[in-house]
Amino acid sequence: MAAADCDDASFAAARQGQGEAVLCIERPEGRLRLNVEIADTEAERERGLMGRDHLDPGSGMIFVYPGPRTVAFWMHDTPLPSTCFSSMPRATF
């Protein structure tokens, strides 16, 4: 895996509608690489993964907000299993 896969350029391109971004998470057992769609507008965050019945392994969606805030997620019409995590240090689920 090339380190360039995990740079800010893929996020910038994805935020401009040019494909998926690559999100890399460093873990003690090794790097986890995920292909993610970016939901960074109100409409995209509202739609989320609604109506999807399949995601490829190693893929998902990242919800980007303009700043720290309290958010709630309702997985309406989303029959996919989900995992949530936050990059904020005091996030609770």
Protein backbone atom coordinates (compact mmCIF):
# COMPACT_ATOMS: atom_id res chain seq x y z
CA MET A 1 0.00 0.00 0.00
CA ALA A 2 1.42 3.36 -0.97
CA ALA A 3 1.46 6.11 1.63
CA ALA A 4 0.07 8.51 -0.99
CA ASP A 5 -3.20 6.59 -0.78
CA CYS A 6 -3.75 8.16 2.63
CA ASP A 7 -3.07 11.82 1.98
CA ASP A 8 -5.21 14.96 2.07
CA ALA A 9 -5.36 15.09 -1.74
CA SER A 10 -7.81 12.19 -1.93
CA PHE A 11 -10.12 13.96 0.54
CA ALA A 12 -9.89 17.22 -1.40
CA ALA A 13 -10.74 15.42 -4.65
CA ALA A 14 -13.60 13.49 -3.03
CA ARG A 15 -15.06 16.70 -1.58
CA GLN A 16 -15.13 18.05 -5.15
CA GLY A 17 -17.11 14.99 -6.29
CA GLN A 18 -14.15 13.20 -7.83
CA GLY A 19 -14.56 9.73 -6.39
CA GLU A 20 -14.02 8.21 -2.98
CA ALA A 21 -11.47 9.28 -0.41
CA VAL A 22 -9.03 6.95 1.27
CA LEU A 23 -9.19 7.04 5.06
CA CYS A 24 -6.32 5.39 6.91
CA ILE A 25 -6.44 4.63 10.61
CA GLU A 26 -3.23 3.67 12.36
CA ARG A 27 -3.79 0.82 14.83
CA PRO A 28 -1.39 -1.28 16.91
CA GLU A 29 -2.14 -4.26 14.64
CA GLY A 30 -1.48 -2.22 11.49
CA ARG A 31 -2.99 0.38 9.22
CA LEU A 32 -6.68 0.08 8.38
CA ARG A 33 -7.43 1.48 4.91
CA LEU A 34 -11.01 2.38 4.04
CA ASN A 35 -12.52 3.78 0.85
CA VAL A 36 -15.07 6.34 2.01
CA GLU A 37 -17.65 8.56 0.41
CA ILE A 38 -17.75 12.02 1.98
CA ALA A 39 -21.04 13.51 3.16
CA ASP A 40 -20.14 17.14 3.85
CA THR A 41 -23.30 19.01 2.91
CA GLU A 42 -26.56 19.01 4.84
CA ALA A 43 -28.31 17.16 2.01
CA GLU A 44 -25.58 14.49 1.77
CA ARG A 45 -25.55 13.98 5.55
CA GLU A 46 -29.34 13.70 5.59
CA ARG A 47 -29.34 11.12 2.77
CA GLY A 48 -26.35 9.18 4.15
CA LEU A 49 -26.55 5.52 3.20
CA MET A 50 -30.35 5.48 3.01
CA GLY A 51 -31.69 2.99 0.49
CA ARG A 52 -28.41 1.11 0.09
CA ASP A 53 -28.41 -2.63 0.53
CA HIS A 54 -24.72 -3.23 -0.18
CA LEU A 55 -21.32 -1.72 0.58
CA ASP A 56 -18.08 -3.28 -0.58
CA PRO A 57 -15.80 -4.59 2.17
CA GLY A 58 -13.48 -1.84 3.37
CA SER A 59 -15.80 0.97 2.31
CA GLY A 60 -18.17 3.36 4.03
CA MET A 61 -19.16 6.97 4.50
CA ILE A 62 -17.63 9.74 6.56
CA PHE A 63 -19.82 12.58 7.80
CA VAL A 64 -17.98 15.90 7.89
CA TYR A 65 -19.34 18.85 9.86
CA PRO A 66 -18.07 22.44 9.87
CA GLY A 67 -17.10 22.19 13.55
CA PRO A 68 -17.70 20.34 16.81
CA ARG A 69 -21.38 19.78 17.58
CA THR A 70 -23.88 17.33 18.98
CA VAL A 71 -25.32 15.14 16.24
CA ALA A 72 -27.83 12.32 16.09
CA PHE A 73 -27.96 9.56 13.49
CA TRP A 74 -31.14 7.80 12.46
CA MET A 75 -30.46 4.89 10.13
CA HIS A 76 -33.84 5.04 8.36
CA ASP A 77 -34.15 2.66 5.40
CA THR A 78 -30.54 1.53 5.86
CA PRO A 79 -30.44 -2.27 6.21
CA LEU A 80 -26.64 -2.32 6.43
CA PRO A 81 -24.72 -3.08 9.61
CA SER A 82 -22.89 0.03 10.80
CA THR A 83 -20.02 1.07 13.00
CA CYS A 84 -19.61 4.63 14.23
CA PHE A 85 -16.53 6.38 15.47
CA SER A 86 -15.51 9.97 15.94
CA SER A 87 -12.27 11.83 15.57
CA MET A 88 -13.31 14.10 18.42
CA PRO A 89 -11.56 13.25 21.71
CA ARG A 90 -14.69 13.33 23.91
CA ALA A 91 -17.22 11.69 21.61
CA THR A 92 -19.78 9.30 23.10
CA PHE A 93 -22.18 6.91 21.42
